[in-house]
Amino acid sequence: MQLSEEIKPLQHLLEASKFMISEEIKEKFQANLKRFVIPKGRMLVGFGQVSPSLYFIEKGVMRTYYSRGTEDITSLLVSEGDIVCIAESFLMQKPSSEVLETLEDTTVYAISYESYRKMVEEDAYMSKLALKLLEQHLINFTDKIKVFKYLSVEERIAHYVGQPSSLFRRIPDHYIATYLGTTPATFSRCLKTVQFHS
C-alpha cells in the first residue's frame, strides 16, 4: 500500500523561520517558542487536565494514551521532528481524556495555547504556517487510518517496523502493540515471523 511521504513538522517550522522577512515576526516567533529538556517518564498532561502547550520534538520520544478498563492504550507515538499535544484538549481548552508522557529524555520547543492563538490570529504568515502544519498532520493521520483499515495485524506490524521513523527497539514492545491494535503476545509472535522473513 502506497502511503504519503512523511514530512516532519519541526522541519517545516525551522525552514519557514529562515524566510521570515520581518524582524518583528522573527522576534515574536522566537519569544513565543521556548526550548525545554524534559526527563523520561514525565507526564505533561494527565487525565482531566487541560493541555497547556503544543510541543515540537527536537530529540526524544513521547506518547499519548487513554484507559480502557485497567489497560493503557497507546494512541500516538512521536519522536524527533514531530508535533504533539492532546489536540481536542489543547484546541478547545477542555479537560483531557488522554495522557501525554515522555518515554525518553526529550528536548522540545513549546508554545502555550495563549501564544499560539495570538500568533495565528494576529499574524497572517504564522496563520498560513499553522494551516500547513495542520494539513500535514491530517495527511499523516489519514495514512494511519489506511493502515488500520486495509492491513491485517501481521501486515501492520511489518509495515510499522519497516518504517524509517519506526520507534521499534527504542520503546517497550507493549506500547507499540496497543498502538497497532493488538496484544503484546500477538505482537511478539508476529514479530518473529516478520524478522524471519526480512
N, C-alpha and C. Protein backbone atom coordinates (compact mmCIF):
# COMPACT_ATOMS: atom_id res chain seq x y z
N MET A 1 0.84 -1.19 0.00
CA MET A 1 0.00 0.00 0.00
C MET A 1 0.88 1.24 0.00
N GLN A 2 0.59 2.16 -0.90
CA GLN A 2 1.39 3.39 -1.02
C GLN A 2 0.84 4.45 -0.07
N LEU A 3 1.71 4.90 0.83
CA LEU A 3 1.32 5.95 1.75
C LEU A 3 2.09 7.22 1.43
N SER A 4 1.61 8.33 1.94
CA SER A 4 2.26 9.61 1.68
C SER A 4 3.63 9.66 2.35
N GLU A 5 4.56 10.38 1.73
CA GLU A 5 5.87 10.57 2.34
C GLU A 5 5.71 11.48 3.56
N GLU A 6 6.23 11.00 4.69
CA GLU A 6 6.05 11.75 5.92
C GLU A 6 7.02 12.92 5.98
N ILE A 7 6.49 14.09 6.25
CA ILE A 7 7.31 15.29 6.42
C ILE A 7 7.18 15.72 7.86
N LYS A 8 8.32 15.91 8.51
CA LYS A 8 8.30 16.23 9.93
C LYS A 8 7.94 17.71 10.16
N PRO A 9 6.97 17.99 11.03
CA PRO A 9 6.53 19.37 11.28
C PRO A 9 7.64 20.31 11.76
N LEU A 10 8.55 19.82 12.61
CA LEU A 10 9.60 20.70 13.11
C LEU A 10 10.47 21.19 11.97
N GLN A 11 10.70 20.34 10.97
CA GLN A 11 11.48 20.75 9.81
C GLN A 11 10.77 21.87 9.05
N HIS A 12 9.45 21.72 8.89
CA HIS A 12 8.64 22.79 8.29
C HIS A 12 8.85 24.10 9.04
N LEU A 13 8.78 24.00 10.37
CA LEU A 13 8.85 25.19 11.21
C LEU A 13 10.21 25.87 11.11
N LEU A 14 11.27 25.09 11.23
CA LEU A 14 12.62 25.66 11.19
C LEU A 14 12.96 26.23 9.81
N GLU A 15 12.50 25.53 8.77
CA GLU A 15 12.73 26.03 7.41
C GLU A 15 11.99 27.35 7.20
N ALA A 16 10.73 27.38 7.65
CA ALA A 16 9.91 28.59 7.48
C ALA A 16 10.53 29.77 8.22
N SER A 17 11.12 29.50 9.40
CA SER A 17 11.67 30.60 10.20
C SER A 17 12.85 31.28 9.49
N LYS A 18 13.51 30.55 8.59
CA LYS A 18 14.64 31.14 7.85
C LYS A 18 14.19 32.21 6.87
N PHE A 19 12.92 32.12 6.47
CA PHE A 19 12.43 33.02 5.43
C PHE A 19 11.53 34.13 5.96
N MET A 20 11.53 34.31 7.26
CA MET A 20 10.73 35.39 7.84
C MET A 20 11.42 36.72 7.54
N ILE A 21 10.76 37.53 6.77
CA ILE A 21 11.33 38.80 6.31
C ILE A 21 11.36 39.83 7.43
N SER A 22 10.24 39.96 8.11
CA SER A 22 10.10 40.98 9.13
C SER A 22 10.83 40.61 10.42
N GLU A 23 11.60 41.53 10.95
CA GLU A 23 12.29 41.31 12.23
C GLU A 23 11.28 41.15 13.35
N GLU A 24 10.17 41.87 13.23
CA GLU A 24 9.12 41.80 14.26
C GLU A 24 8.55 40.39 14.34
N ILE A 25 8.32 39.77 13.17
CA ILE A 25 7.79 38.40 13.13
C ILE A 25 8.81 37.43 13.73
N LYS A 26 10.07 37.62 13.37
CA LYS A 26 11.13 36.75 13.90
C LYS A 26 11.20 36.84 15.42
N GLU A 27 11.13 38.06 15.93
CA GLU A 27 11.21 38.27 17.38
C GLU A 27 10.01 37.64 18.09
N LYS A 28 8.83 37.82 17.51
CA LYS A 28 7.62 37.23 18.08
C LYS A 28 7.72 35.71 18.11
N PHE A 29 8.19 35.19 16.99
CA PHE A 29 8.33 33.74 16.82
C PHE A 29 9.28 33.18 17.88
N GLN A 30 10.43 33.80 18.03
CA GLN A 30 11.44 33.32 18.98
C GLN A 30 11.00 33.52 20.43
N ALA A 31 10.27 34.59 20.68
CA ALA A 31 9.83 34.88 22.05
C ALA A 31 8.76 33.89 22.52
N ASN A 32 7.96 33.38 21.59
CA ASN A 32 6.85 32.51 21.95
C ASN A 32 7.20 31.03 21.96
N LEU A 33 8.32 30.66 21.35
CA LEU A 33 8.71 29.26 21.26
C LEU A 33 9.83 29.01 22.26
N LYS A 34 9.55 28.30 23.34
CA LYS A 34 10.52 28.05 24.41
C LYS A 34 11.08 26.63 24.31
N ARG A 35 12.39 26.52 24.52
CA ARG A 35 13.06 25.22 24.44
C ARG A 35 13.22 24.64 25.85
N PHE A 36 12.82 23.37 26.00
CA PHE A 36 12.90 22.69 27.29
C PHE A 36 13.50 21.30 27.13
N VAL A 37 14.17 20.81 28.16
CA VAL A 37 14.60 19.42 28.24
C VAL A 37 13.74 18.78 29.33
N ILE A 38 13.00 17.74 28.94
CA ILE A 38 12.04 17.10 29.86
C ILE A 38 12.51 15.67 30.15
N PRO A 39 12.63 15.30 31.43
CA PRO A 39 13.13 13.96 31.77
C PRO A 39 12.19 12.84 31.33
N LYS A 40 12.76 11.66 31.14
CA LYS A 40 11.98 10.46 30.83
C LYS A 40 10.96 10.19 31.92
N GLY A 41 9.75 9.78 31.51
CA GLY A 41 8.72 9.42 32.47
C GLY A 41 7.90 10.58 33.00
N ARG A 42 8.09 11.77 32.45
CA ARG A 42 7.35 12.95 32.92
C ARG A 42 5.98 13.01 32.23
N MET A 43 4.94 13.19 33.02
CA MET A 43 3.58 13.35 32.48
C MET A 43 3.34 14.84 32.24
N LEU A 44 3.14 15.22 30.98
CA LEU A 44 2.93 16.62 30.63
C LEU A 44 1.46 17.01 30.68
N VAL A 45 0.60 16.05 30.41
CA VAL A 45 -0.85 16.25 30.52
C VAL A 45 -1.42 14.98 31.15
N GLY A 46 -2.21 15.14 32.20
CA GLY A 46 -2.85 13.99 32.84
C GLY A 46 -4.34 13.96 32.54
N PHE A 47 -4.99 12.87 32.91
CA PHE A 47 -6.43 12.77 32.73
C PHE A 47 -7.11 13.92 33.46
N GLY A 48 -8.01 14.60 32.76
CA GLY A 48 -8.77 15.68 33.37
C GLY A 48 -8.07 17.04 33.37
N GLN A 49 -6.80 17.07 32.95
CA GLN A 49 -6.08 18.34 32.86
C GLN A 49 -6.28 18.96 31.48
N VAL A 50 -6.09 20.26 31.39
CA VAL A 50 -6.18 20.94 30.10
C VAL A 50 -4.78 20.99 29.49
N SER A 51 -4.67 20.57 28.24
CA SER A 51 -3.38 20.55 27.54
C SER A 51 -2.90 21.99 27.34
N PRO A 52 -1.80 22.40 28.00
CA PRO A 52 -1.42 23.81 28.01
C PRO A 52 -0.57 24.27 26.83
N SER A 53 0.12 23.31 26.17
CA SER A 53 1.10 23.70 25.16
C SER A 53 1.11 22.75 23.98
N LEU A 54 1.67 23.27 22.90
CA LEU A 54 1.93 22.49 21.69
C LEU A 54 3.44 22.27 21.68
N TYR A 55 3.87 21.03 21.43
CA TYR A 55 5.30 20.70 21.51
C TYR A 55 5.84 20.24 20.16
N PHE A 56 6.99 20.79 19.79
CA PHE A 56 7.74 20.32 18.63
C PHE A 56 8.95 19.58 19.18
N ILE A 57 9.10 18.32 18.82
CA ILE A 57 10.14 17.49 19.42
C ILE A 57 11.46 17.61 18.64
N GLU A 58 12.47 18.09 19.34
CA GLU A 58 13.81 18.16 18.74
C GLU A 58 14.53 16.83 18.90
N LYS A 59 14.38 16.22 20.08
CA LYS A 59 15.02 14.94 20.35
C LYS A 59 14.23 14.20 21.41
N GLY A 60 14.06 12.88 21.22
CA GLY A 60 13.36 12.10 22.22
C GLY A 60 12.08 11.47 21.70
N VAL A 61 11.35 10.83 22.61
CA VAL A 61 10.12 10.10 22.26
C VAL A 61 9.03 10.42 23.28
N MET A 62 7.82 10.60 22.77
CA MET A 62 6.66 10.83 23.64
C MET A 62 5.51 9.96 23.14
N ARG A 63 4.55 9.74 24.02
CA ARG A 63 3.33 9.02 23.60
C ARG A 63 2.12 9.64 24.25
N THR A 64 0.95 9.40 23.64
CA THR A 64 -0.32 9.70 24.27
C THR A 64 -1.04 8.37 24.46
N TYR A 65 -1.82 8.27 25.54
CA TYR A 65 -2.58 7.04 25.76
C TYR A 65 -3.87 7.35 26.49
N TYR A 66 -4.82 6.41 26.37
CA TYR A 66 -6.08 6.50 27.10
C TYR A 66 -6.30 5.18 27.83
N SER A 67 -7.24 5.15 28.74
CA SER A 67 -7.51 3.94 29.52
C SER A 67 -8.75 3.23 29.00
N ARG A 68 -8.62 1.90 28.94
CA ARG A 68 -9.78 1.05 28.62
C ARG A 68 -9.80 -0.04 29.68
N GLY A 69 -10.69 0.13 30.64
CA GLY A 69 -10.68 -0.77 31.80
C GLY A 69 -9.41 -0.53 32.61
N THR A 70 -8.64 -1.59 32.81
CA THR A 70 -7.38 -1.46 33.56
C THR A 70 -6.17 -1.32 32.63
N GLU A 71 -6.44 -1.24 31.32
CA GLU A 71 -5.36 -1.23 30.33
C GLU A 71 -5.12 0.17 29.77
N ASP A 72 -3.85 0.50 29.56
CA ASP A 72 -3.49 1.74 28.87
C ASP A 72 -3.32 1.43 27.39
N ILE A 73 -4.02 2.19 26.54
CA ILE A 73 -3.94 2.00 25.09
C ILE A 73 -3.19 3.17 24.47
N THR A 74 -2.06 2.90 23.84
CA THR A 74 -1.26 3.95 23.21
C THR A 74 -1.97 4.44 21.96
N SER A 75 -2.24 5.74 21.89
CA SER A 75 -2.94 6.30 20.74
C SER A 75 -2.01 7.03 19.78
N LEU A 76 -0.82 7.41 20.27
CA LEU A 76 0.12 8.14 19.42
C LEU A 76 1.53 7.94 19.92
N LEU A 77 2.46 7.71 18.98
CA LEU A 77 3.89 7.62 19.28
C LEU A 77 4.59 8.65 18.42
N VAL A 78 5.36 9.54 19.04
CA VAL A 78 6.02 10.62 18.28
C VAL A 78 7.48 10.74 18.71
N SER A 79 8.29 11.21 17.77
CA SER A 79 9.72 11.36 18.05
C SER A 79 10.27 12.58 17.33
N GLU A 80 11.57 12.60 17.12
CA GLU A 80 12.26 13.75 16.54
C GLU A 80 11.52 14.34 15.33
N GLY A 81 11.29 15.66 15.39
CA GLY A 81 10.67 16.36 14.27
C GLY A 81 9.16 16.42 14.31
N ASP A 82 8.54 15.62 15.19
CA ASP A 82 7.08 15.57 15.25
C ASP A 82 6.51 16.70 16.10
N ILE A 83 5.22 16.91 15.94
CA ILE A 83 4.47 17.88 16.73
C ILE A 83 3.48 17.09 17.59
N VAL A 84 3.26 17.51 18.84
CA VAL A 84 2.35 16.74 19.68
C VAL A 84 1.65 17.64 20.70
N CYS A 85 0.41 17.31 20.95
CA CYS A 85 -0.39 17.86 22.05
C CYS A 85 -1.59 16.92 22.16
N ILE A 86 -2.42 17.11 23.16
CA ILE A 86 -3.71 16.41 23.18
C ILE A 86 -4.64 17.35 22.41
N ALA A 87 -4.85 17.07 21.14
CA ALA A 87 -5.44 18.03 20.21
C ALA A 87 -6.77 18.63 20.68
N GLU A 88 -7.72 17.78 21.06
CA GLU A 88 -9.04 18.29 21.46
C GLU A 88 -8.91 19.17 22.70
N SER A 89 -8.09 18.73 23.65
CA SER A 89 -7.91 19.49 24.89
C SER A 89 -7.20 20.81 24.62
N PHE A 90 -6.16 20.77 23.79
CA PHE A 90 -5.39 21.99 23.50
C PHE A 90 -6.22 23.00 22.71
N LEU A 91 -6.84 22.56 21.63
CA LEU A 91 -7.55 23.48 20.74
C LEU A 91 -8.85 24.01 21.34
N MET A 92 -9.50 23.21 22.19
CA MET A 92 -10.77 23.63 22.78
C MET A 92 -10.62 24.02 24.25
N GLN A 93 -9.39 23.85 24.79
CA GLN A 93 -9.10 24.16 26.19
C GLN A 93 -10.12 23.50 27.12
N LYS A 94 -10.24 22.18 26.94
CA LYS A 94 -11.14 21.39 27.78
C LYS A 94 -10.35 20.26 28.42
N PRO A 95 -10.85 19.67 29.51
CA PRO A 95 -10.14 18.59 30.19
C PRO A 95 -9.84 17.42 29.25
N SER A 96 -8.66 16.86 29.41
CA SER A 96 -8.19 15.80 28.52
C SER A 96 -8.68 14.42 28.96
N SER A 97 -8.99 13.59 27.97
CA SER A 97 -9.34 12.19 28.24
C SER A 97 -8.14 11.29 27.98
N GLU A 98 -6.99 11.92 27.69
CA GLU A 98 -5.77 11.16 27.42
C GLU A 98 -4.61 11.73 28.24
N VAL A 99 -3.52 10.97 28.24
CA VAL A 99 -2.30 11.37 28.93
C VAL A 99 -1.19 11.56 27.90
N LEU A 100 -0.35 12.58 28.12
CA LEU A 100 0.83 12.80 27.29
C LEU A 100 2.05 12.64 28.19
N GLU A 101 2.97 11.74 27.81
CA GLU A 101 4.14 11.49 28.64
C GLU A 101 5.39 11.29 27.78
N THR A 102 6.55 11.52 28.39
CA THR A 102 7.84 11.29 27.72
C THR A 102 8.30 9.86 27.98
N LEU A 103 8.85 9.22 26.94
CA LEU A 103 9.38 7.86 27.06
C LEU A 103 10.90 7.84 27.04
N GLU A 104 11.50 8.97 26.73
CA GLU A 104 12.94 9.18 26.80
C GLU A 104 13.15 10.60 27.32
N ASP A 105 14.37 10.92 27.74
CA ASP A 105 14.69 12.33 27.98
C ASP A 105 14.44 13.06 26.67
N THR A 106 13.65 14.10 26.71
CA THR A 106 13.14 14.71 25.48
C THR A 106 13.36 16.22 25.46
N THR A 107 13.87 16.70 24.32
CA THR A 107 14.06 18.14 24.13
C THR A 107 12.96 18.65 23.19
N VAL A 108 12.25 19.68 23.63
CA VAL A 108 11.13 20.19 22.84
C VAL A 108 11.19 21.71 22.71
N TYR A 109 10.51 22.21 21.67
CA TYR A 109 10.16 23.62 21.56
C TYR A 109 8.68 23.68 21.90
N ALA A 110 8.31 24.50 22.87
CA ALA A 110 6.91 24.55 23.31
C ALA A 110 6.32 25.93 23.10
N ILE A 111 5.04 25.95 22.70
CA ILE A 111 4.32 27.21 22.58
C ILE A 111 3.01 27.05 23.35
N SER A 112 2.70 28.02 24.20
CA SER A 112 1.47 27.94 25.01
C SER A 112 0.25 28.18 24.12
N TYR A 113 -0.91 27.76 24.63
CA TYR A 113 -2.16 27.96 23.90
C TYR A 113 -2.40 29.45 23.64
N GLU A 114 -2.17 30.28 24.66
CA GLU A 114 -2.41 31.72 24.52
C GLU A 114 -1.52 32.32 23.43
N SER A 115 -0.25 31.94 23.43
CA SER A 115 0.69 32.46 22.43
C SER A 115 0.34 31.95 21.03
N TYR A 116 -0.04 30.67 20.96
CA TYR A 116 -0.43 30.07 19.67
C TYR A 116 -1.62 30.81 19.07
N ARG A 117 -2.67 31.02 19.88
CA ARG A 117 -3.86 31.70 19.38
C ARG A 117 -3.55 33.13 18.95
N LYS A 118 -2.77 33.82 19.76
CA LYS A 118 -2.44 35.21 19.48
C LYS A 118 -1.67 35.33 18.17
N MET A 119 -0.71 34.43 17.97
CA MET A 119 0.12 34.48 16.75
C MET A 119 -0.69 34.17 15.50
N VAL A 120 -1.52 33.13 15.54
CA VAL A 120 -2.26 32.76 14.33
C VAL A 120 -3.39 33.73 14.02
N GLU A 121 -3.91 34.41 15.04
CA GLU A 121 -5.00 35.35 14.81
C GLU A 121 -4.50 36.73 14.38
N GLU A 122 -3.29 37.10 14.81
CA GLU A 122 -2.80 38.44 14.54
C GLU A 122 -1.77 38.50 13.41
N ASP A 123 -1.23 37.35 13.02
CA ASP A 123 -0.16 37.36 12.03
C ASP A 123 -0.51 36.42 10.88
N ALA A 124 -0.66 36.96 9.67
CA ALA A 124 -1.07 36.17 8.51
C ALA A 124 -0.03 35.11 8.16
N TYR A 125 1.24 35.44 8.32
CA TYR A 125 2.31 34.48 8.00
C TYR A 125 2.22 33.27 8.91
N MET A 126 2.08 33.51 10.23
CA MET A 126 2.01 32.41 11.17
C MET A 126 0.71 31.61 11.00
N SER A 127 -0.34 32.28 10.59
CA SER A 127 -1.60 31.60 10.34
C SER A 127 -1.46 30.61 9.18
N LYS A 128 -0.75 31.02 8.13
CA LYS A 128 -0.51 30.12 6.98
C LYS A 128 0.38 28.95 7.39
N LEU A 129 1.38 29.23 8.21
CA LEU A 129 2.28 28.17 8.67
C LEU A 129 1.51 27.15 9.52
N ALA A 130 0.66 27.64 10.42
CA ALA A 130 -0.15 26.75 11.26
C ALA A 130 -1.06 25.88 10.41
N LEU A 131 -1.63 26.46 9.36
CA LEU A 131 -2.51 25.72 8.45
C LEU A 131 -1.73 24.63 7.72
N LYS A 132 -0.52 24.96 7.29
CA LYS A 132 0.33 23.98 6.59
C LYS A 132 0.65 22.79 7.50
N LEU A 133 0.99 23.09 8.75
CA LEU A 133 1.29 22.02 9.71
C LEU A 133 0.05 21.18 9.99
N LEU A 134 -1.11 21.82 10.10
CA LEU A 134 -2.36 21.11 10.35
C LEU A 134 -2.70 20.20 9.17
N GLU A 135 -2.50 20.69 7.95
CA GLU A 135 -2.76 19.89 6.76
C GLU A 135 -1.87 18.64 6.74
N GLN A 136 -0.58 18.82 7.06
CA GLN A 136 0.33 17.69 7.06
C GLN A 136 -0.03 16.68 8.15
N HIS A 137 -0.44 17.19 9.30
CA HIS A 137 -0.86 16.32 10.40
C HIS A 137 -2.07 15.50 9.99
N LEU A 138 -2.99 16.12 9.26
CA LEU A 138 -4.20 15.42 8.79
C LEU A 138 -3.84 14.34 7.79
N ILE A 139 -2.90 14.63 6.90
CA ILE A 139 -2.45 13.64 5.91
C ILE A 139 -1.83 12.43 6.62
N ASN A 140 -0.96 12.70 7.60
CA ASN A 140 -0.31 11.61 8.34
C ASN A 140 -1.33 10.78 9.11
N PHE A 141 -2.35 11.46 9.68
CA PHE A 141 -3.40 10.76 10.41
C PHE A 141 -4.22 9.88 9.47
N THR A 142 -4.51 10.40 8.27
CA THR A 142 -5.26 9.63 7.27
C THR A 142 -4.49 8.38 6.87
N ASP A 143 -3.17 8.51 6.75
CA ASP A 143 -2.34 7.36 6.41
C ASP A 143 -2.43 6.28 7.49
N LYS A 144 -2.48 6.72 8.75
CA LYS A 144 -2.59 5.74 9.85
C LYS A 144 -3.93 5.00 9.76
N ILE A 145 -4.99 5.72 9.43
CA ILE A 145 -6.31 5.09 9.27
C ILE A 145 -6.27 4.04 8.17
N LYS A 146 -5.57 4.34 7.06
CA LYS A 146 -5.44 3.38 5.96
C LYS A 146 -4.77 2.10 6.42
N VAL A 147 -3.73 2.25 7.24
CA VAL A 147 -3.00 1.09 7.76
C VAL A 147 -3.95 0.20 8.55
N PHE A 148 -4.78 0.79 9.40
CA PHE A 148 -5.71 0.01 10.22
C PHE A 148 -6.85 -0.59 9.39
N LYS A 149 -7.26 0.12 8.35
CA LYS A 149 -8.41 -0.32 7.56
C LYS A 149 -8.06 -1.45 6.59
N TYR A 150 -6.89 -1.36 5.98
CA TYR A 150 -6.57 -2.28 4.89
C TYR A 150 -5.56 -3.38 5.22
N LEU A 151 -4.85 -3.27 6.34
CA LEU A 151 -3.82 -4.26 6.65
C LEU A 151 -4.22 -5.16 7.81
N SER A 152 -3.81 -6.42 7.74
CA SER A 152 -4.01 -7.34 8.85
C SER A 152 -3.05 -6.96 9.98
N VAL A 153 -3.23 -7.58 11.14
CA VAL A 153 -2.34 -7.29 12.27
C VAL A 153 -0.88 -7.58 11.88
N GLU A 154 -0.65 -8.72 11.23
CA GLU A 154 0.70 -9.09 10.81
C GLU A 154 1.28 -8.06 9.84
N GLU A 155 0.46 -7.61 8.90
CA GLU A 155 0.91 -6.61 7.93
C GLU A 155 1.16 -5.26 8.58
N ARG A 156 0.32 -4.91 9.58
CA ARG A 156 0.52 -3.66 10.30
C ARG A 156 1.88 -3.65 11.01
N ILE A 157 2.20 -4.77 11.65
CA ILE A 157 3.46 -4.87 12.38
C ILE A 157 4.64 -4.79 11.41
N ALA A 158 4.55 -5.50 10.29
CA ALA A 158 5.62 -5.47 9.29
C ALA A 158 5.78 -4.07 8.72
N HIS A 159 4.66 -3.41 8.47
CA HIS A 159 4.69 -2.04 7.94
C HIS A 159 5.35 -1.10 8.94
N TYR A 160 4.95 -1.23 10.20
CA TYR A 160 5.47 -0.32 11.24
C TYR A 160 6.97 -0.49 11.45
N VAL A 161 7.42 -1.71 11.65
CA VAL A 161 8.85 -1.91 11.97
C VAL A 161 9.74 -1.61 10.77
N GLY A 162 9.14 -1.59 9.58
CA GLY A 162 9.92 -1.29 8.38
C GLY A 162 10.02 0.19 8.05
N GLN A 163 9.28 1.03 8.79
CA GLN A 163 9.30 2.47 8.52
C GLN A 163 10.58 3.12 9.06
N PRO A 164 11.15 4.08 8.30
CA PRO A 164 12.34 4.79 8.79
C PRO A 164 12.11 5.48 10.13
N SER A 165 10.86 5.94 10.35
CA SER A 165 10.55 6.67 11.58
C SER A 165 10.07 5.76 12.71
N SER A 166 10.14 4.43 12.48
CA SER A 166 9.68 3.47 13.48
C SER A 166 10.46 3.62 14.78
N LEU A 167 9.75 3.51 15.90
CA LEU A 167 10.38 3.60 17.21
C LEU A 167 10.67 2.21 17.77
N PHE A 168 10.58 1.21 16.88
CA PHE A 168 10.86 -0.16 17.26
C PHE A 168 12.26 -0.25 17.88
N ARG A 169 12.32 -0.89 19.03
CA ARG A 169 13.55 -1.07 19.82
C ARG A 169 13.95 0.15 20.65
N ARG A 170 13.26 1.26 20.49
CA ARG A 170 13.54 2.41 21.35
C ARG A 170 12.60 2.47 22.54
N ILE A 171 11.45 1.84 22.41
CA ILE A 171 10.46 1.87 23.49
C ILE A 171 9.93 0.45 23.72
N PRO A 172 9.29 0.19 24.87
CA PRO A 172 8.77 -1.14 25.15
C PRO A 172 7.78 -1.63 24.09
N ASP A 173 7.89 -2.93 23.76
CA ASP A 173 7.03 -3.52 22.72
C ASP A 173 5.55 -3.40 23.05
N HIS A 174 5.18 -3.45 24.35
CA HIS A 174 3.74 -3.43 24.66
C HIS A 174 3.11 -2.08 24.32
N TYR A 175 3.88 -0.99 24.29
CA TYR A 175 3.33 0.29 23.83
C TYR A 175 3.03 0.23 22.34
N ILE A 176 3.96 -0.34 21.58
CA ILE A 176 3.76 -0.46 20.13
C ILE A 176 2.59 -1.39 19.84
N ALA A 177 2.47 -2.48 20.61
CA ALA A 177 1.39 -3.44 20.40
C ALA A 177 0.02 -2.78 20.52
N THR A 178 -0.20 -2.02 21.61
CA THR A 178 -1.51 -1.38 21.78
C THR A 178 -1.72 -0.29 20.73
N TYR A 179 -0.65 0.38 20.32
CA TYR A 179 -0.73 1.40 19.27
C TYR A 179 -1.19 0.78 17.95
N LEU A 180 -0.76 -0.46 17.69
CA LEU A 180 -1.11 -1.14 16.44
C LEU A 180 -2.39 -1.96 16.56
N GLY A 181 -3.05 -1.87 17.72
CA GLY A 181 -4.34 -2.53 17.89
C GLY A 181 -4.24 -4.02 18.13
N THR A 182 -3.20 -4.45 18.83
CA THR A 182 -3.06 -5.87 19.12
C THR A 182 -2.54 -6.04 20.54
N THR A 183 -2.36 -7.29 20.95
CA THR A 183 -1.86 -7.58 22.30
C THR A 183 -0.35 -7.77 22.26
N PRO A 184 0.32 -7.58 23.39
CA PRO A 184 1.77 -7.82 23.44
C PRO A 184 2.16 -9.22 22.99
N ALA A 185 1.35 -10.23 23.36
CA ALA A 185 1.66 -11.62 22.97
C ALA A 185 1.59 -11.79 21.46
N THR A 186 0.54 -11.24 20.84
CA THR A 186 0.40 -11.34 19.37
C THR A 186 1.51 -10.56 18.68
N PHE A 187 1.84 -9.40 19.21
CA PHE A 187 2.92 -8.60 18.64
C PHE A 187 4.23 -9.38 18.66
N SER A 188 4.53 -10.00 19.79
CA SER A 188 5.77 -10.77 19.93
C SER A 188 5.81 -11.94 18.95
N ARG A 189 4.67 -12.65 18.82
CA ARG A 189 4.60 -13.81 17.91
C ARG A 189 4.76 -13.36 16.46
N CYS A 190 4.05 -12.32 16.06
CA CYS A 190 4.11 -11.83 14.69
C CYS A 190 5.48 -11.24 14.36
N LEU A 191 6.09 -10.64 15.36
CA LEU A 191 7.39 -10.01 15.15
C LEU A 191 8.44 -11.04 14.74
N LYS A 192 8.36 -12.24 15.33
CA LYS A 192 9.30 -13.31 14.98
C LYS A 192 9.16 -13.69 13.50
N THR A 193 7.91 -13.74 13.04
CA THR A 193 7.65 -14.06 11.63
C THR A 193 8.16 -12.96 10.72
N VAL A 194 7.90 -11.70 11.11
CA VAL A 194 8.34 -10.54 10.32
C VAL A 194 9.87 -10.52 10.21
N GLN A 195 10.55 -10.75 11.33
CA GLN A 195 12.00 -10.71 11.34
C GLN A 195 12.61 -11.90 10.60
N PHE A 196 11.90 -13.03 10.66
CA PHE A 196 12.37 -14.23 9.96
C PHE A 196 12.36 -14.02 8.45
N HIS A 197 11.30 -13.34 7.97
CA HIS A 197 11.14 -13.13 6.52
C HIS A 197 11.88 -11.90 6.01
N SER A 198 12.37 -11.04 6.91
CA SER A 198 13.04 -9.81 6.45
C SER A 198 14.51 -10.07 6.12
